[in-house]
């Protein structure tokens, strides 16, 4: 695989988890507001169904980012951190991405299950 393709996969692996978690959290908040707010009552939004679908799609995206990072790690297994900048840097970021994506997957699952299992609308 060419170094350019590995760099693209490396950046997808590194940034994918963080971006998809941010999107999941913001959209999930919007779903909750749409269900509980007066403006969203006529839409008939069911928080649990939407949050579950959002969590599943975000988790699938993070798994794809993890696979991209692992692909880069395997493709650069003969490189070391002392290699000239491109292969060594790409390998370093891919390893960081593989670790970070596991953390982001756990955050996405915790965020999604908390949104599903918690009482959504409360009168304050």
Protein backbone atom coordinates (compact mmCIF):
# COMPACT_ATOMS: atom_id res chain seq x y z
CA UNK A 1 0.00 0.00 0.00
CA UNK A 2 1.34 3.45 -0.85
CA UNK A 3 2.45 5.85 1.84
CA UNK A 4 -0.20 8.38 0.76
CA UNK A 5 -3.02 5.85 1.31
CA UNK A 6 -1.56 4.94 4.67
CA UNK A 7 -1.47 8.61 5.67
CA UNK A 8 -5.14 9.03 4.72
CA UNK A 9 -6.09 5.94 6.72
CA UNK A 10 -3.97 7.15 9.62
CA UNK A 11 -5.78 10.51 9.76
CA UNK A 12 -9.18 8.84 9.44
CA UNK A 13 -8.23 6.51 12.28
CA UNK A 14 -6.91 9.34 14.42
CA UNK A 15 -9.69 11.88 13.95
CA UNK A 16 -12.67 9.64 13.22
CA UNK A 17 -13.43 8.59 16.79
CA UNK A 18 -13.26 12.10 18.22
CA UNK A 19 -15.39 13.63 15.49
CA UNK A 20 -18.07 10.95 15.56
CA UNK A 21 -18.33 11.09 19.36
CA UNK A 22 -18.74 14.87 19.20
CA UNK A 23 -21.46 14.52 16.57
CA UNK A 24 -23.19 11.74 18.52
CA UNK A 25 -23.21 13.79 21.70
CA UNK A 26 -24.53 16.96 20.06
CA UNK A 27 -27.18 15.18 17.96
CA UNK A 28 -28.20 13.07 20.98
CA UNK A 29 -28.71 16.23 23.01
CA UNK A 30 -30.84 17.60 20.19
CA UNK A 31 -32.94 14.44 20.11
CA UNK A 32 -33.59 14.73 23.84
CA UNK A 33 -34.53 18.39 23.49
CA UNK A 34 -36.83 17.60 20.57
CA UNK A 35 -38.67 14.95 22.58
CA UNK A 36 -39.01 16.99 25.75
CA UNK A 37 -39.51 20.46 24.29
CA UNK A 38 -42.89 21.90 23.43
CA UNK A 39 -41.81 22.48 19.83
CA UNK A 40 -41.06 18.80 19.24
CA UNK A 41 -44.22 17.28 20.72
CA UNK A 42 -46.01 17.04 17.36
CA UNK A 43 -43.11 15.08 15.81
CA UNK A 44 -43.62 12.05 18.03
CA UNK A 45 -39.91 11.44 18.58
CA UNK A 46 -39.08 8.37 20.65
CA UNK A 47 -35.84 9.09 22.46
CA UNK A 48 -34.84 5.47 23.08
CA UNK A 49 -35.15 4.40 19.45
CA UNK A 50 -33.28 7.42 18.09
CA UNK A 51 -30.57 7.27 20.74
CA UNK A 52 -30.06 3.56 20.09
CA UNK A 53 -29.77 4.07 16.35
CA UNK A 54 -27.41 6.99 16.86
CA UNK A 55 -25.26 4.98 19.27
CA UNK A 56 -25.09 1.99 16.92
CA UNK A 57 -24.12 4.08 13.89
CA UNK A 58 -21.50 6.03 15.87
CA UNK A 59 -20.06 2.78 17.25
CA UNK A 60 -19.87 1.31 13.74
CA UNK A 61 -18.04 4.40 12.51
CA UNK A 62 -15.52 4.18 15.37
CA UNK A 63 -14.95 0.49 14.65
CA UNK A 64 -14.20 1.47 11.02
CA UNK A 65 -11.71 4.08 12.27
CA UNK A 66 -10.13 1.44 14.52
CA UNK A 67 -9.80 -0.93 11.58
CA UNK A 68 -8.14 1.83 9.57
CA UNK A 69 -5.64 2.42 12.37
CA UNK A 70 -4.91 -1.29 12.69
CA UNK A 71 -4.43 -1.55 8.92
CA UNK A 72 -1.79 1.18 9.11
CA UNK A 73 -0.09 -0.49 12.07
CA UNK A 74 0.12 -3.80 10.22
CA UNK A 75 1.32 -2.15 7.00
CA UNK A 76 4.09 -0.26 8.84
CA UNK A 77 5.16 -3.09 11.13
CA UNK A 78 8.67 -3.06 9.67
CA UNK A 79 9.06 0.66 10.43
CA UNK A 80 10.31 2.09 13.69
CA UNK A 81 9.99 5.46 15.34
CA UNK A 82 13.52 6.21 14.19
CA UNK A 83 12.56 5.72 10.53
CA UNK A 84 12.54 8.80 8.32
CA UNK A 85 9.60 11.06 9.18
CA UNK A 86 6.79 9.67 7.02
CA UNK A 87 6.71 5.96 7.99
CA UNK A 88 7.73 6.48 11.61
CA UNK A 89 5.24 9.31 12.12
CA UNK A 90 2.43 7.43 10.41
CA UNK A 91 3.04 4.38 12.61
CA UNK A 92 3.17 6.49 15.77
CA UNK A 93 -0.13 8.23 15.01
CA UNK A 94 -1.77 4.94 14.03
CA UNK A 95 -0.84 3.40 17.38
CA UNK A 96 -2.21 6.47 19.17
CA UNK A 97 -5.39 6.22 17.07
CA UNK A 98 -5.87 2.55 17.92
CA UNK A 99 -5.73 3.33 21.64
CA UNK A 100 -7.89 6.45 21.36
CA UNK A 101 -10.59 4.70 19.34
CA UNK A 102 -11.07 2.09 22.06
CA UNK A 103 -11.57 4.92 24.54
CA UNK A 104 -13.97 6.77 22.22
CA UNK A 105 -15.95 3.58 21.64
CA UNK A 106 -16.42 3.20 25.38
CA UNK A 107 -17.46 6.87 25.69
CA UNK A 108 -19.99 6.46 22.87
CA UNK A 109 -21.48 3.35 24.46
CA UNK A 110 -21.67 4.97 27.90
CA UNK A 111 -23.19 8.15 26.45
CA UNK A 112 -25.74 6.21 24.40
CA UNK A 113 -26.80 3.83 27.16
CA UNK A 114 -27.05 6.71 29.63
CA UNK A 115 -29.35 8.58 27.24
CA UNK A 116 -31.51 5.47 26.78
CA UNK A 117 -31.69 4.28 30.39
CA UNK A 118 -32.04 7.65 32.09
CA UNK A 119 -35.42 9.33 32.53
CA UNK A 120 -35.58 11.67 29.55
CA UNK A 121 -38.10 14.36 30.42
CA UNK A 122 -38.40 15.67 33.95
CA UNK A 123 -40.33 18.63 35.20
CA UNK A 124 -38.01 20.89 37.13
